[in-house]
N, C-alpha and C. Protein backbone atom coordinates (compact mmCIF):
# COMPACT_ATOMS: atom_id res chain seq x y z
N MET A 1 0.84 -1.19 0.00
CA MET A 1 0.00 0.00 0.00
C MET A 1 0.89 1.25 0.00
N GLU A 2 0.61 2.17 -0.89
CA GLU A 2 1.39 3.39 -0.99
C GLU A 2 0.83 4.46 -0.07
N LEU A 3 1.69 5.05 0.75
CA LEU A 3 1.26 6.10 1.66
C LEU A 3 1.14 7.43 0.96
N LEU A 4 1.93 7.64 -0.06
CA LEU A 4 1.97 8.91 -0.75
C LEU A 4 1.30 8.77 -2.11
N ASP A 5 0.35 9.66 -2.39
CA ASP A 5 -0.41 9.57 -3.63
C ASP A 5 0.25 10.43 -4.70
N LEU A 6 1.09 9.80 -5.53
CA LEU A 6 1.74 10.46 -6.65
C LEU A 6 1.11 9.93 -7.93
N LYS A 7 0.70 10.82 -8.82
CA LYS A 7 0.01 10.38 -10.04
C LYS A 7 0.76 10.86 -11.28
N ASP A 8 1.23 9.91 -12.08
CA ASP A 8 1.81 10.24 -13.37
C ASP A 8 0.68 10.58 -14.33
N THR A 9 0.84 11.67 -15.08
CA THR A 9 -0.11 12.06 -16.11
C THR A 9 0.67 12.27 -17.41
N ALA A 10 -0.04 12.52 -18.49
CA ALA A 10 0.62 12.79 -19.77
C ALA A 10 1.51 14.03 -19.68
N ASP A 11 1.15 14.98 -18.81
CA ASP A 11 1.91 16.24 -18.69
C ASP A 11 3.03 16.19 -17.66
N GLY A 12 2.98 15.24 -16.76
CA GLY A 12 3.98 15.18 -15.70
C GLY A 12 3.40 14.55 -14.45
N LEU A 13 3.88 14.98 -13.32
CA LEU A 13 3.48 14.42 -12.03
C LEU A 13 2.43 15.29 -11.36
N ARG A 14 1.35 14.66 -10.91
CA ARG A 14 0.35 15.37 -10.11
C ARG A 14 0.53 14.92 -8.67
N ILE A 15 0.68 15.88 -7.78
CA ILE A 15 0.97 15.58 -6.38
C ILE A 15 0.07 16.41 -5.48
N ASP A 16 -0.40 15.80 -4.41
CA ASP A 16 -1.22 16.50 -3.43
C ASP A 16 -0.34 16.94 -2.27
N VAL A 17 -0.44 18.20 -1.91
CA VAL A 17 0.35 18.73 -0.80
C VAL A 17 -0.55 19.44 0.20
N LYS A 18 -0.07 19.51 1.41
CA LYS A 18 -0.71 20.33 2.44
C LYS A 18 0.34 21.32 2.90
N VAL A 19 0.05 22.60 2.77
CA VAL A 19 1.04 23.62 3.13
C VAL A 19 0.79 24.15 4.54
N GLN A 20 1.88 24.51 5.16
CA GLN A 20 1.86 25.10 6.50
C GLN A 20 2.59 26.44 6.38
N PRO A 21 1.85 27.53 6.08
CA PRO A 21 2.49 28.84 5.91
C PRO A 21 2.97 29.41 7.24
N ASN A 22 3.76 30.46 7.15
CA ASN A 22 4.30 31.16 8.33
C ASN A 22 5.23 30.30 9.17
N ALA A 23 5.86 29.31 8.56
CA ALA A 23 6.81 28.47 9.29
C ALA A 23 8.11 29.25 9.49
N ARG A 24 8.91 28.78 10.40
CA ARG A 24 10.20 29.43 10.65
C ARG A 24 11.11 29.33 9.43
N ARG A 25 11.03 28.18 8.75
CA ARG A 25 11.78 28.01 7.50
C ARG A 25 11.01 27.05 6.61
N SER A 26 11.28 27.10 5.33
CA SER A 26 10.61 26.22 4.37
C SER A 26 11.29 24.86 4.35
N GLY A 27 10.47 23.80 4.23
CA GLY A 27 11.01 22.45 4.16
C GLY A 27 9.92 21.41 4.24
N TRP A 28 10.30 20.17 4.06
CA TRP A 28 9.34 19.07 4.18
C TRP A 28 8.93 18.94 5.63
N ALA A 29 7.64 18.73 5.87
CA ALA A 29 7.13 18.61 7.24
C ALA A 29 6.49 17.24 7.49
N GLY A 30 6.66 16.30 6.58
CA GLY A 30 6.15 14.95 6.79
C GLY A 30 5.10 14.55 5.78
N LEU A 31 4.42 13.46 6.07
CA LEU A 31 3.36 12.93 5.23
C LEU A 31 2.08 12.87 6.04
N HIS A 32 0.96 13.14 5.39
CA HIS A 32 -0.32 13.06 6.09
C HIS A 32 -1.42 12.75 5.09
N ALA A 33 -2.10 11.60 5.28
CA ALA A 33 -3.25 11.21 4.48
C ALA A 33 -2.98 11.29 2.97
N GLY A 34 -1.86 10.72 2.54
CA GLY A 34 -1.54 10.70 1.12
C GLY A 34 -0.98 12.00 0.57
N ARG A 35 -0.79 12.98 1.43
CA ARG A 35 -0.26 14.29 1.01
C ARG A 35 1.10 14.52 1.65
N ILE A 36 1.94 15.26 0.94
CA ILE A 36 3.20 15.72 1.51
C ILE A 36 2.91 17.05 2.20
N LYS A 37 3.34 17.17 3.44
CA LYS A 37 3.20 18.44 4.15
C LYS A 37 4.46 19.26 3.88
N VAL A 38 4.25 20.51 3.51
CA VAL A 38 5.35 21.42 3.21
C VAL A 38 5.22 22.65 4.10
N ALA A 39 6.22 22.89 4.92
CA ALA A 39 6.28 24.11 5.72
C ALA A 39 6.85 25.21 4.83
N LEU A 40 6.19 26.37 4.86
CA LEU A 40 6.63 27.51 4.05
C LEU A 40 6.86 28.72 4.94
N ALA A 41 7.98 29.39 4.76
CA ALA A 41 8.29 30.57 5.55
C ALA A 41 7.42 31.76 5.14
N ALA A 42 6.76 31.68 4.02
CA ALA A 42 5.95 32.79 3.51
C ALA A 42 4.56 32.81 4.16
N PRO A 43 3.98 34.01 4.27
CA PRO A 43 2.61 34.12 4.80
C PRO A 43 1.58 33.77 3.72
N PRO A 44 0.37 33.40 4.15
CA PRO A 44 -0.67 33.03 3.18
C PRO A 44 -1.47 34.24 2.69
N VAL A 45 -0.78 35.28 2.27
CA VAL A 45 -1.45 36.49 1.77
C VAL A 45 -0.89 36.87 0.41
N ASP A 46 -1.74 37.41 -0.43
CA ASP A 46 -1.34 37.91 -1.74
C ASP A 46 -0.58 36.89 -2.59
N GLY A 47 -0.90 35.61 -2.41
CA GLY A 47 -0.25 34.57 -3.21
C GLY A 47 1.18 34.26 -2.83
N LYS A 48 1.66 34.83 -1.72
CA LYS A 48 3.06 34.64 -1.33
C LYS A 48 3.38 33.18 -1.01
N ALA A 49 2.46 32.51 -0.31
CA ALA A 49 2.71 31.10 0.03
C ALA A 49 2.69 30.24 -1.23
N ASN A 50 1.80 30.53 -2.17
CA ASN A 50 1.77 29.77 -3.43
C ASN A 50 3.07 29.95 -4.20
N LYS A 51 3.56 31.17 -4.27
CA LYS A 51 4.82 31.43 -4.96
C LYS A 51 5.98 30.72 -4.26
N ALA A 52 5.95 30.71 -2.92
CA ALA A 52 7.00 30.04 -2.16
C ALA A 52 6.94 28.53 -2.39
N LEU A 53 5.74 27.98 -2.48
CA LEU A 53 5.59 26.55 -2.75
C LEU A 53 6.17 26.19 -4.11
N ILE A 54 5.84 26.97 -5.12
CA ILE A 54 6.36 26.72 -6.47
C ILE A 54 7.89 26.84 -6.48
N ARG A 55 8.42 27.84 -5.83
CA ARG A 55 9.87 28.02 -5.76
C ARG A 55 10.54 26.84 -5.03
N PHE A 56 9.93 26.42 -3.92
CA PHE A 56 10.47 25.30 -3.15
C PHE A 56 10.49 24.02 -3.99
N LEU A 57 9.36 23.73 -4.65
CA LEU A 57 9.29 22.52 -5.48
C LEU A 57 10.23 22.61 -6.67
N ALA A 58 10.38 23.79 -7.25
CA ALA A 58 11.31 23.97 -8.38
C ALA A 58 12.74 23.70 -7.93
N ASP A 59 13.13 24.25 -6.80
CA ASP A 59 14.48 24.02 -6.29
C ASP A 59 14.71 22.54 -5.98
N PHE A 60 13.70 21.91 -5.38
CA PHE A 60 13.83 20.52 -4.96
C PHE A 60 13.92 19.57 -6.15
N THR A 61 13.11 19.81 -7.17
CA THR A 61 13.02 18.89 -8.31
C THR A 61 13.90 19.27 -9.49
N SER A 62 14.48 20.46 -9.48
CA SER A 62 15.25 21.01 -10.61
C SER A 62 14.38 21.22 -11.84
N VAL A 63 13.08 21.40 -11.64
CA VAL A 63 12.15 21.75 -12.71
C VAL A 63 11.95 23.26 -12.64
N PRO A 64 12.01 23.97 -13.75
CA PRO A 64 11.81 25.43 -13.69
C PRO A 64 10.44 25.77 -13.09
N GLY A 65 10.37 26.88 -12.40
CA GLY A 65 9.11 27.32 -11.79
C GLY A 65 7.98 27.41 -12.80
N SER A 66 8.30 27.74 -14.04
CA SER A 66 7.28 27.82 -15.08
C SER A 66 6.68 26.46 -15.41
N GLY A 67 7.35 25.38 -14.98
CA GLY A 67 6.87 24.03 -15.21
C GLY A 67 6.05 23.48 -14.05
N ILE A 68 5.77 24.32 -13.07
CA ILE A 68 5.01 23.90 -11.89
C ILE A 68 3.76 24.75 -11.80
N GLU A 69 2.62 24.08 -11.64
CA GLU A 69 1.33 24.79 -11.64
C GLU A 69 0.44 24.24 -10.52
N ILE A 70 -0.20 25.14 -9.79
CA ILE A 70 -1.18 24.73 -8.79
C ILE A 70 -2.49 24.51 -9.53
N LEU A 71 -2.94 23.26 -9.57
CA LEU A 71 -4.16 22.91 -10.30
C LEU A 71 -5.41 23.16 -9.47
N ARG A 72 -5.31 22.88 -8.18
CA ARG A 72 -6.44 23.06 -7.27
C ARG A 72 -5.94 23.55 -5.93
N GLY A 73 -6.76 24.38 -5.28
CA GLY A 73 -6.46 24.80 -3.92
C GLY A 73 -5.66 26.08 -3.79
N GLU A 74 -5.77 26.97 -4.76
CA GLU A 74 -5.00 28.23 -4.70
C GLU A 74 -5.20 28.97 -3.38
N THR A 75 -6.41 28.91 -2.82
CA THR A 75 -6.70 29.64 -1.58
C THR A 75 -6.86 28.69 -0.38
N SER A 76 -6.43 27.45 -0.55
CA SER A 76 -6.56 26.44 0.50
C SER A 76 -5.18 25.94 0.92
N ARG A 77 -5.11 25.35 2.09
CA ARG A 77 -3.86 24.73 2.51
C ARG A 77 -3.63 23.40 1.81
N GLU A 78 -4.71 22.78 1.35
CA GLU A 78 -4.60 21.53 0.60
C GLU A 78 -4.61 21.84 -0.89
N LYS A 79 -3.56 21.45 -1.59
CA LYS A 79 -3.38 21.81 -2.99
C LYS A 79 -3.02 20.59 -3.83
N THR A 80 -3.39 20.65 -5.08
CA THR A 80 -2.93 19.67 -6.06
C THR A 80 -2.03 20.42 -7.03
N VAL A 81 -0.82 19.90 -7.22
CA VAL A 81 0.20 20.57 -8.00
C VAL A 81 0.63 19.67 -9.16
N LEU A 82 0.83 20.27 -10.32
CA LEU A 82 1.38 19.58 -11.48
C LEU A 82 2.84 20.00 -11.64
N ILE A 83 3.72 19.00 -11.72
CA ILE A 83 5.14 19.25 -11.98
C ILE A 83 5.43 18.64 -13.35
N ARG A 84 5.53 19.50 -14.36
CA ARG A 84 5.70 19.04 -15.74
C ARG A 84 7.07 18.38 -15.94
N GLY A 85 7.03 17.26 -16.67
CA GLY A 85 8.26 16.57 -17.03
C GLY A 85 8.84 15.68 -15.94
N LEU A 86 8.20 15.60 -14.79
CA LEU A 86 8.70 14.76 -13.70
C LEU A 86 7.81 13.54 -13.57
N ARG A 87 8.40 12.39 -13.27
CA ARG A 87 7.64 11.16 -13.09
C ARG A 87 7.63 10.78 -11.60
N ALA A 88 6.63 10.01 -11.21
CA ALA A 88 6.46 9.60 -9.81
C ALA A 88 7.69 8.87 -9.28
N GLU A 89 8.26 8.01 -10.10
CA GLU A 89 9.44 7.25 -9.66
C GLU A 89 10.59 8.18 -9.28
N ARG A 90 10.82 9.22 -10.09
CA ARG A 90 11.90 10.17 -9.79
C ARG A 90 11.60 10.96 -8.53
N MET A 91 10.34 11.36 -8.34
CA MET A 91 9.97 12.10 -7.14
C MET A 91 10.18 11.25 -5.89
N ARG A 92 9.82 9.97 -5.97
CA ARG A 92 10.05 9.07 -4.82
C ARG A 92 11.53 9.00 -4.49
N GLU A 93 12.38 8.91 -5.52
CA GLU A 93 13.83 8.88 -5.30
C GLU A 93 14.30 10.15 -4.60
N LEU A 94 13.83 11.30 -5.09
CA LEU A 94 14.23 12.58 -4.49
C LEU A 94 13.77 12.68 -3.04
N LEU A 95 12.54 12.25 -2.78
CA LEU A 95 12.02 12.31 -1.41
C LEU A 95 12.78 11.38 -0.48
N GLN A 96 13.11 10.20 -0.99
CA GLN A 96 13.87 9.26 -0.17
C GLN A 96 15.24 9.84 0.18
N LYS A 97 15.89 10.44 -0.81
CA LYS A 97 17.21 11.05 -0.57
C LYS A 97 17.12 12.21 0.41
N SER A 98 15.96 12.90 0.43
CA SER A 98 15.81 14.05 1.32
C SER A 98 15.62 13.63 2.77
N GLY A 99 15.29 12.35 2.99
CA GLY A 99 15.08 11.87 4.35
C GLY A 99 13.65 12.07 4.84
N LEU A 100 12.72 12.37 3.95
CA LEU A 100 11.32 12.53 4.36
C LEU A 100 10.82 11.23 4.96
N ARG A 101 10.19 11.32 6.10
CA ARG A 101 9.72 10.14 6.82
C ARG A 101 8.22 10.19 7.05
N ARG A 102 7.66 9.03 7.39
CA ARG A 102 6.24 8.94 7.70
C ARG A 102 5.94 9.62 9.03
N PRO A 103 4.68 10.07 9.23
CA PRO A 103 4.31 10.63 10.53
C PRO A 103 4.59 9.61 11.63
N GLY A 104 5.09 10.11 12.74
CA GLY A 104 5.39 9.23 13.86
C GLY A 104 6.84 8.77 13.89
N ASP A 105 7.56 8.91 12.77
CA ASP A 105 8.98 8.58 12.79
C ASP A 105 9.68 9.59 13.68
N GLU A 106 10.80 9.19 14.24
CA GLU A 106 11.47 10.03 15.21
C GLU A 106 11.96 11.35 14.64
N THR A 107 12.42 11.35 13.38
CA THR A 107 12.90 12.59 12.78
C THR A 107 12.17 12.82 11.46
N GLN A 108 12.05 14.05 11.07
CA GLN A 108 11.44 14.41 9.81
C GLN A 108 12.50 15.04 8.93
N GLY A 109 12.52 14.65 7.66
CA GLY A 109 13.50 15.22 6.72
C GLY A 109 13.16 16.67 6.43
N GLN A 110 14.16 17.46 6.25
CA GLN A 110 13.99 18.88 5.89
C GLN A 110 14.82 19.16 4.67
N HIS A 111 14.29 20.01 3.81
CA HIS A 111 15.04 20.46 2.63
C HIS A 111 15.13 21.97 2.75
N SER A 112 16.33 22.47 2.78
CA SER A 112 16.48 23.93 2.93
C SER A 112 16.58 24.61 1.61
């Protein structure tokens, strides 16, 4: 059973995230209900958290920001994001290398 819901599409990878704005620093905050939790240092006003999420995912995946689009949840903490040109298998590799762990694990991986 897969804990993380990653979906390959014709355009790239569709991923569900839950954002935690106003964090002390941006980074992975764990897994929850098939979603990756992402802590963002940006506030949830004027699209700042959305821009920070796109920048964070672009840095993490090496996909240009223009290749990342929020499909659903622009004004919600729960979002569905498309990362063009990335496949689920590659994202799993990147997440594993980052040290991201399941909820309840003693430590949580962070990406600065």
